[in-house]
Amino acid sequence: MFRVIPYRGFEIHITLTPVERDLYSVTFQITGHNVSANNADGALIKVRHGPFTARWAYLVAEIAGQAAVDVLMGPQVD
């Protein structure tokens, strides 16, 4: 299962992999701007402390991806 979430000009690509019935391991990758799979910023990152239900997996990966973008971009000025 796969989902893409736009955030602050980046895309957070979330992939769920089934490990048991109704439980998934989850990875995410950030793309956009100058980020690519060839550098550490665009690396595929596995979310720890799983497996998760699908709903929790998407939520945890989205929050982790947003936090990573916030670290790359700095504080968001409103």
PDB file of N, CA and C in Angstrom:
ATOM      1  N   MET A   1       0.852  -1.157   0.000  1.00  0.00           N
ATOM      2  CA  MET A   1       0.000   0.000   0.000  1.00  0.00           C
ATOM      3  C   MET A   1       0.903   1.226   0.000  1.00  0.00           C
ATOM      4  N   PHE A   2       0.485   2.253  -0.709  1.00  0.00           N
ATOM      5  CA  PHE A   2       1.348   3.387  -0.973  1.00  0.00           C
ATOM      6  C   PHE A   2       0.545   4.674  -0.904  1.00  0.00           C
ATOM      7  N   ARG A   3       1.155   5.716  -0.378  1.00  0.00           N
ATOM      8  CA  ARG A   3       0.493   7.015  -0.308  1.00  0.00           C
ATOM      9  C   ARG A   3       1.549   8.104  -0.440  1.00  0.00           C
ATOM     10  N   VAL A   4       1.181   9.212  -1.098  1.00  0.00           N
ATOM     11  CA  VAL A   4       2.065  10.367  -1.222  1.00  0.00           C
ATOM     12  C   VAL A   4       1.374  11.556  -0.567  1.00  0.00           C
ATOM     13  N   ILE A   5       2.109  12.240   0.323  1.00  0.00           N
ATOM     14  CA  ILE A   5       1.554  13.378   1.051  1.00  0.00           C
ATOM     15  C   ILE A   5       2.415  14.601   0.753  1.00  0.00           C
ATOM     16  N   PRO A   6       1.836  15.654   0.166  1.00  0.00           N
ATOM     17  CA  PRO A   6       2.605  16.882  -0.049  1.00  0.00           C
ATOM     18  C   PRO A   6       2.742  17.664   1.254  1.00  0.00           C
ATOM     19  N   TYR A   7       3.928  18.237   1.473  1.00  0.00           N
ATOM     20  CA  TYR A   7       4.161  19.025   2.682  1.00  0.00           C
ATOM     21  C   TYR A   7       5.288  20.014   2.433  1.00  0.00           C
ATOM     22  N   ARG A   8       5.000  21.299   2.510  1.00  0.00           N
ATOM     23  CA  ARG A   8       5.971  22.386   2.386  1.00  0.00           C
ATOM     24  C   ARG A   8       6.831  22.270   1.129  1.00  0.00           C
ATOM     25  N   GLY A   9       6.233  21.907   0.014  1.00  0.00           N
ATOM     26  CA  GLY A   9       6.960  21.798  -1.245  1.00  0.00           C
ATOM     27  C   GLY A   9       7.667  20.470  -1.461  1.00  0.00           C
ATOM     28  N   PHE A  10       7.591  19.567  -0.503  1.00  0.00           N
ATOM     29  CA  PHE A  10       8.175  18.232  -0.619  1.00  0.00           C
ATOM     30  C   PHE A  10       7.048  17.213  -0.779  1.00  0.00           C
ATOM     31  N   GLU A  11       7.415  15.997  -1.097  1.00  0.00           N
ATOM     32  CA  GLU A  11       6.470  14.885  -1.103  1.00  0.00           C
ATOM     33  C   GLU A  11       6.993  13.821  -0.150  1.00  0.00           C
ATOM     34  N   ILE A  12       6.105  13.318   0.704  1.00  0.00           N
ATOM     35  CA  ILE A  12       6.440  12.239   1.618  1.00  0.00           C
ATOM     36  C   ILE A  12       5.813  10.975   1.039  1.00  0.00           C
ATOM     37  N   HIS A  13       6.643  10.049   0.596  1.00  0.00           N
ATOM     38  CA  HIS A  13       6.185   8.794   0.002  1.00  0.00           C
ATOM     39  C   HIS A  13       6.158   7.734   1.101  1.00  0.00           C
ATOM     40  N   ILE A  14       4.985   7.203   1.381  1.00  0.00           N
ATOM     41  CA  ILE A  14       4.804   6.224   2.453  1.00  0.00           C
ATOM     42  C   ILE A  14       4.451   4.875   1.840  1.00  0.00           C
ATOM     43  N   THR A  15       5.159   3.832   2.262  1.00  0.00           N
ATOM     44  CA  THR A  15       4.909   2.482   1.771  1.00  0.00           C
ATOM     45  C   THR A  15       4.669   1.549   2.951  1.00  0.00           C
ATOM     46  N   LEU A  16       3.558   0.822   2.907  1.00  0.00           N
ATOM     47  CA  LEU A  16       3.234  -0.173   3.927  1.00  0.00           C
ATOM     48  C   LEU A  16       3.497  -1.556   3.359  1.00  0.00           C
ATOM     49  N   THR A  17       4.134  -2.406   4.160  1.00  0.00           N
ATOM     50  CA  THR A  17       4.419  -3.778   3.775  1.00  0.00           C
ATOM     51  C   THR A  17       3.779  -4.707   4.795  1.00  0.00           C
ATOM     52  N   PRO A  18       2.893  -5.613   4.357  1.00  0.00           N
ATOM     53  CA  PRO A  18       2.251  -6.506   5.326  1.00  0.00           C
ATOM     54  C   PRO A  18       3.261  -7.442   5.989  1.00  0.00           C
ATOM     55  N   VAL A  19       3.143  -7.584   7.318  1.00  0.00           N
ATOM     56  CA  VAL A  19       4.002  -8.518   8.045  1.00  0.00           C
ATOM     57  C   VAL A  19       3.180  -9.588   8.751  1.00  0.00           C
ATOM     58  N   GLU A  20       1.968  -9.257   9.120  1.00  0.00           N
ATOM     59  CA  GLU A  20       1.017 -10.189   9.719  1.00  0.00           C
ATOM     60  C   GLU A  20      -0.372  -9.750   9.264  1.00  0.00           C
ATOM     61  N   ARG A  21      -1.368 -10.494   9.660  1.00  0.00           N
ATOM     62  CA  ARG A  21      -2.732 -10.120   9.296  1.00  0.00           C
ATOM     63  C   ARG A  21      -3.069  -8.759   9.927  1.00  0.00           C
ATOM     64  N   ASP A  22      -3.412  -7.782   9.093  1.00  0.00           N
ATOM     65  CA  ASP A  22      -3.787  -6.426   9.504  1.00  0.00           C
ATOM     66  C   ASP A  22      -2.673  -5.660  10.199  1.00  0.00           C
ATOM     67  N   LEU A  23      -1.418  -6.085  10.066  1.00  0.00           N
ATOM     68  CA  LEU A  23      -0.282  -5.360  10.633  1.00  0.00           C
ATOM     69  C   LEU A  23       0.764  -5.129   9.546  1.00  0.00           C
ATOM     70  N   TYR A  24       1.384  -3.949   9.595  1.00  0.00           N
ATOM     71  CA  TYR A  24       2.283  -3.539   8.523  1.00  0.00           C
ATOM     72  C   TYR A  24       3.560  -2.932   9.088  1.00  0.00           C
ATOM     73  N   SER A  25       4.663  -3.136   8.373  1.00  0.00           N
ATOM     74  CA  SER A  25       5.862  -2.342   8.622  1.00  0.00           C
ATOM     75  C   SER A  25       5.748  -1.164   7.649  1.00  0.00           C
ATOM     76  N   VAL A  26       6.353  -0.047   8.014  1.00  0.00           N
ATOM     77  CA  VAL A  26       6.171   1.161   7.211  1.00  0.00           C
ATOM     78  C   VAL A  26       7.508   1.847   6.969  1.00  0.00           C
ATOM     79  N   THR A  27       7.687   2.347   5.740  1.00  0.00           N
ATOM     80  CA  THR A  27       8.850   3.143   5.379  1.00  0.00           C
ATOM     81  C   THR A  27       8.357   4.434   4.737  1.00  0.00           C
ATOM     82  N   PHE A  28       9.220   5.462   4.795  1.00  0.00           N
ATOM     83  CA  PHE A  28       8.893   6.695   4.087  1.00  0.00           C
ATOM     84  C   PHE A  28      10.147   7.254   3.433  1.00  0.00           C
ATOM     85  N   GLN A  29       9.918   8.073   2.423  1.00  0.00           N
ATOM     86  CA  GLN A  29      10.998   8.727   1.700  1.00  0.00           C
ATOM     87  C   GLN A  29      10.540  10.133   1.361  1.00  0.00           C
ATOM     88  N   ILE A  30      11.437  11.090   1.501  1.00  0.00           N
ATOM     89  CA  ILE A  30      11.120  12.478   1.191  1.00  0.00           C
ATOM     90  C   ILE A  30      11.743  12.823  -0.151  1.00  0.00           C
ATOM     91  N   THR A  31      10.952  13.419  -1.043  1.00  0.00           N
ATOM     92  CA  THR A  31      11.458  13.877  -2.335  1.00  0.00           C
ATOM     93  C   THR A  31      11.029  15.323  -2.541  1.00  0.00           C
ATOM     94  N   GLY A  32      11.739  15.996  -3.422  1.00  0.00           N
ATOM     95  CA  GLY A  32      11.424  17.378  -3.741  1.00  0.00           C
ATOM     96  C   GLY A  32      12.640  18.267  -3.555  1.00  0.00           C
ATOM     97  N   HIS A  33      12.569  19.483  -4.094  1.00  0.00           N
ATOM     98  CA  HIS A  33      13.676  20.439  -4.041  1.00  0.00           C
ATOM     99  C   HIS A  33      14.946  19.757  -4.527  1.00  0.00           C
ATOM    100  N   ASN A  34      15.999  19.765  -3.738  1.00  0.00           N
ATOM    101  CA  ASN A  34      17.270  19.144  -4.134  1.00  0.00           C
ATOM    102  C   ASN A  34      17.479  17.794  -3.481  1.00  0.00           C
ATOM    103  N   VAL A  35      16.412  17.161  -3.031  1.00  0.00           N
ATOM    104  CA  VAL A  35      16.516  15.876  -2.351  1.00  0.00           C
ATOM    105  C   VAL A  35      16.374  14.762  -3.379  1.00  0.00           C
ATOM    106  N   SER A  36      17.263  13.767  -3.292  1.00  0.00           N
ATOM    107  CA  SER A  36      17.170  12.619  -4.198  1.00  0.00           C
ATOM    108  C   SER A  36      17.507  11.351  -3.430  1.00  0.00           C
ATOM    109  N   ALA A  37      17.236  10.218  -4.045  1.00  0.00           N
ATOM    110  CA  ALA A  37      17.517   8.922  -3.407  1.00  0.00           C
ATOM    111  C   ALA A  37      19.019   8.679  -3.282  1.00  0.00           C
ATOM    112  N   ASN A  38      19.843   9.483  -3.958  1.00  0.00           N
ATOM    113  CA  ASN A  38      21.285   9.287  -3.913  1.00  0.00           C
ATOM    114  C   ASN A  38      21.951   9.927  -2.696  1.00  0.00           C
ATOM    115  N   ASN A  39      21.222  10.782  -1.972  1.00  0.00           N
ATOM    116  CA  ASN A  39      21.838  11.371  -0.787  1.00  0.00           C
ATOM    117  C   ASN A  39      21.047  10.979   0.448  1.00  0.00           C
ATOM    118  N   ALA A  40      21.582  11.290   1.602  1.00  0.00           N
ATOM    119  CA  ALA A  40      20.966  10.844   2.860  1.00  0.00           C
ATOM    120  C   ALA A  40      19.577  11.430   3.065  1.00  0.00           C
ATOM    121  N   ASP A  41      19.327  12.635   2.544  1.00  0.00           N
ATOM    122  CA  ASP A  41      18.024  13.264   2.750  1.00  0.00           C
ATOM    123  C   ASP A  41      16.905  12.518   2.034  1.00  0.00           C
ATOM    124  N   GLY A  42      17.212  11.855   0.926  1.00  0.00           N
ATOM    125  CA  GLY A  42      16.194  11.137   0.168  1.00  0.00           C
ATOM    126  C   GLY A  42      16.187   9.638   0.415  1.00  0.00           C
ATOM    127  N   ALA A  43      16.856   9.209   1.456  1.00  0.00           N
ATOM    128  CA  ALA A  43      16.961   7.782   1.752  1.00  0.00           C
ATOM    129  C   ALA A  43      15.622   7.207   2.192  1.00  0.00           C
ATOM    130  N   LEU A  44      15.450   5.924   1.976  1.00  0.00           N
ATOM    131  CA  LEU A  44      14.261   5.207   2.438  1.00  0.00           C
ATOM    132  C   LEU A  44      14.436   4.928   3.927  1.00  0.00           C
ATOM    133  N   ILE A  45      13.495   5.416   4.744  1.00  0.00           N
ATOM    134  CA  ILE A  45      13.622   5.330   6.195  1.00  0.00           C
ATOM    135  C   ILE A  45      12.547   4.406   6.744  1.00  0.00           C
ATOM    136  N   LYS A  46      12.965   3.408   7.521  1.00  0.00           N
ATOM    137  CA  LYS A  46      12.022   2.477   8.147  1.00  0.00           C
ATOM    138  C   LYS A  46      11.588   3.056   9.488  1.00  0.00           C
ATOM    139  N   VAL A  47      10.282   3.075   9.728  1.00  0.00           N
ATOM    140  CA  VAL A  47       9.747   3.552  11.001  1.00  0.00           C
ATOM    141  C   VAL A  47       9.885   2.421  12.014  1.00  0.00           C
ATOM    142  N   ARG A  48      10.466   2.725  13.162  1.00  0.00           N
ATOM    143  CA  ARG A  48      10.730   1.703  14.181  1.00  0.00           C
ATOM    144  C   ARG A  48       9.510   1.480  15.071  1.00  0.00           C
ATOM    145  N   HIS A  49       9.620   0.470  15.899  1.00  0.00           N
ATOM    146  CA  HIS A  49       8.623   0.117  16.916  1.00  0.00           C
ATOM    147  C   HIS A  49       7.316  -0.394  16.330  1.00  0.00           C
ATOM    148  N   GLY A  50       7.368  -0.970  15.119  1.00  0.00           N
ATOM    149  CA  GLY A  50       6.182  -1.557  14.516  1.00  0.00           C
ATOM    150  C   GLY A  50       6.133  -3.033  14.831  1.00  0.00           C
ATOM    151  N   PRO A  51       5.250  -3.767  14.256  1.00  0.00           N
ATOM    152  CA  PRO A  51       4.330  -3.367  13.188  1.00  0.00           C
ATOM    153  C   PRO A  51       3.135  -2.577  13.722  1.00  0.00           C
ATOM    154  N   PHE A  52       2.464  -1.907  12.770  1.00  0.00           N
ATOM    155  CA  PHE A  52       1.333  -1.046  13.074  1.00  0.00           C
ATOM    156  C   PHE A  52       0.110  -1.482  12.275  1.00  0.00           C
ATOM    157  N   THR A  53      -1.066  -1.072  12.722  1.00  0.00           N
ATOM    158  CA  THR A  53      -2.244  -1.200  11.867  1.00  0.00           C
ATOM    159  C   THR A  53      -2.066  -0.196  10.733  1.00  0.00           C
ATOM    160  N   ALA A  54      -2.794  -0.350   9.654  1.00  0.00           N
ATOM    161  CA  ALA A  54      -2.637   0.524   8.495  1.00  0.00           C
ATOM    162  C   ALA A  54      -2.858   1.988   8.865  1.00  0.00           C
ATOM    163  N   ARG A  55      -3.876   2.245   9.635  1.00  0.00           N
ATOM    164  CA  ARG A  55      -4.198   3.622  10.013  1.00  0.00           C
ATOM    165  C   ARG A  55      -3.072   4.271  10.819  1.00  0.00           C
ATOM    166  N   TRP A  56      -2.536   3.537  11.798  1.00  0.00           N
ATOM    167  CA  TRP A  56      -1.440   4.059  12.611  1.00  0.00           C
ATOM    168  C   TRP A  56      -0.167   4.184  11.786  1.00  0.00           C
ATOM    169  N   ALA A  57       0.074   3.241  10.897  1.00  0.00           N
ATOM    170  CA  ALA A  57       1.281   3.275  10.076  1.00  0.00           C
ATOM    171  C   ALA A  57       1.329   4.543   9.240  1.00  0.00           C
ATOM    172  N   TYR A  58       0.225   4.876   8.581  1.00  0.00           N
ATOM    173  CA  TYR A  58       0.185   6.105   7.783  1.00  0.00           C
ATOM    174  C   TYR A  58       0.372   7.339   8.663  1.00  0.00           C
ATOM    175  N   LEU A  59      -0.266   7.371   9.811  1.00  0.00           N
ATOM    176  CA  LEU A  59      -0.171   8.522  10.699  1.00  0.00           C
ATOM    177  C   LEU A  59       1.259   8.713  11.213  1.00  0.00           C
ATOM    178  N   VAL A  60       1.865   7.653  11.698  1.00  0.00           N
ATOM    179  CA  VAL A  60       3.217   7.737  12.252  1.00  0.00           C
ATOM    180  C   VAL A  60       4.207   8.153  11.163  1.00  0.00           C
ATOM    181  N   ALA A  61       4.099   7.577   9.986  1.00  0.00           N
ATOM    182  CA  ALA A  61       5.018   7.917   8.891  1.00  0.00           C
ATOM    183  C   ALA A  61       4.812   9.352   8.429  1.00  0.00           C
ATOM    184  N   GLU A  62       3.567   9.814   8.382  1.00  0.00           N
ATOM    185  CA  GLU A  62       3.310  11.197   7.975  1.00  0.00           C
ATOM    186  C   GLU A  62       3.946  12.172   8.973  1.00  0.00           C
ATOM    187  N   ILE A  63       3.767  11.924  10.254  1.00  0.00           N
ATOM    188  CA  ILE A  63       4.337  12.804  11.273  1.00  0.00           C
ATOM    189  C   ILE A  63       5.866  12.771  11.223  1.00  0.00           C
ATOM    190  N   ALA A  64       6.443  11.590  11.070  1.00  0.00           N
ATOM    191  CA  ALA A  64       7.907  11.475  10.986  1.00  0.00           C
ATOM    192  C   ALA A  64       8.435  12.189   9.744  1.00  0.00           C
ATOM    193  N   GLY A  65       7.745  12.042   8.628  1.00  0.00           N
ATOM    194  CA  GLY A  65       8.147  12.723   7.399  1.00  0.00           C
ATOM    195  C   GLY A  65       8.052  14.228   7.520  1.00  0.00           C
ATOM    196  N   GLN A  66       6.978  14.716   8.128  1.00  0.00           N
ATOM    197  CA  GLN A  66       6.829  16.160   8.329  1.00  0.00           C
ATOM    198  C   GLN A  66       7.923  16.699   9.243  1.00  0.00           C
ATOM    199  N   ALA A  67       8.264  15.947  10.284  1.00  0.00           N
ATOM    200  CA  ALA A  67       9.334  16.373  11.189  1.00  0.00           C
ATOM    201  C   ALA A  67      10.667  16.443  10.444  1.00  0.00           C
ATOM    202  N   ALA A  68      10.922  15.470   9.573  1.00  0.00           N
ATOM    203  CA  ALA A  68      12.163  15.471   8.799  1.00  0.00           C
ATOM    204  C   ALA A  68      12.219  16.685   7.868  1.00  0.00           C
ATOM    205  N   VAL A  69      11.110  17.009   7.219  1.00  0.00           N
ATOM    206  CA  VAL A  69      11.060  18.188   6.347  1.00  0.00           C
ATOM    207  C   VAL A  69      11.290  19.450   7.171  1.00  0.00           C
ATOM    208  N   ASP A  70      10.689  19.527   8.337  1.00  0.00           N
ATOM    209  CA  ASP A  70      10.867  20.695   9.200  1.00  0.00           C
ATOM    210  C   ASP A  70      12.342  20.871   9.586  1.00  0.00           C
ATOM    211  N   VAL A  71      13.048  19.772   9.817  1.00  0.00           N
ATOM    212  CA  VAL A  71      14.477  19.840  10.135  1.00  0.00           C
ATOM    213  C   VAL A  71      15.248  20.365   8.918  1.00  0.00           C
ATOM    214  N   LEU A  72      14.899  19.898   7.710  1.00  0.00           N
ATOM    215  CA  LEU A  72      15.585  20.346   6.502  1.00  0.00           C
ATOM    216  C   LEU A  72      15.319  21.817   6.196  1.00  0.00           C
ATOM    217  N   MET A  73      14.081  22.253   6.390  1.00  0.00           N
ATOM    218  CA  MET A  73      13.667  23.593   5.980  1.00  0.00           C
ATOM    219  C   MET A  73      13.835  24.646   7.078  1.00  0.00           C
ATOM    220  N   GLY A  74      13.895  24.217   8.308  1.00  0.00           N
ATOM    221  CA  GLY A  74      13.914  25.169   9.421  1.00  0.00           C
ATOM    222  C   GLY A  74      12.489  25.506   9.831  1.00  0.00           C
ATOM    223  N   PRO A  75      12.363  26.388  10.809  1.00  0.00           N
ATOM    224  CA  PRO A  75      11.025  26.729  11.313  1.00  0.00           C
ATOM    225  C   PRO A  75      10.153  27.360  10.236  1.00  0.00           C
ATOM    226  N   GLN A  76       8.873  27.048  10.292  1.00  0.00           N
ATOM    227  CA  GLN A  76       7.920  27.617   9.346  1.00  0.00           C
ATOM    228  C   GLN A  76       7.447  28.964   9.879  1.00  0.00           C
ATOM    229  N   VAL A  77       7.605  30.000   9.070  1.00  0.00           N
ATOM    230  CA  VAL A  77       7.188  31.345   9.471  1.00  0.00           C
ATOM    231  C   VAL A  77       5.771  31.567   8.997  1.00  0.00           C
ATOM    232  N   ASP A  78       4.892  31.899   9.935  1.00  0.00           N
ATOM    233  CA  ASP A  78       3.487  32.123   9.564  1.00  0.00           C
ATOM    234  C   ASP A  78       3.201  33.550   9.227  1.00  0.00           C
TER     235      ASP A  78
END
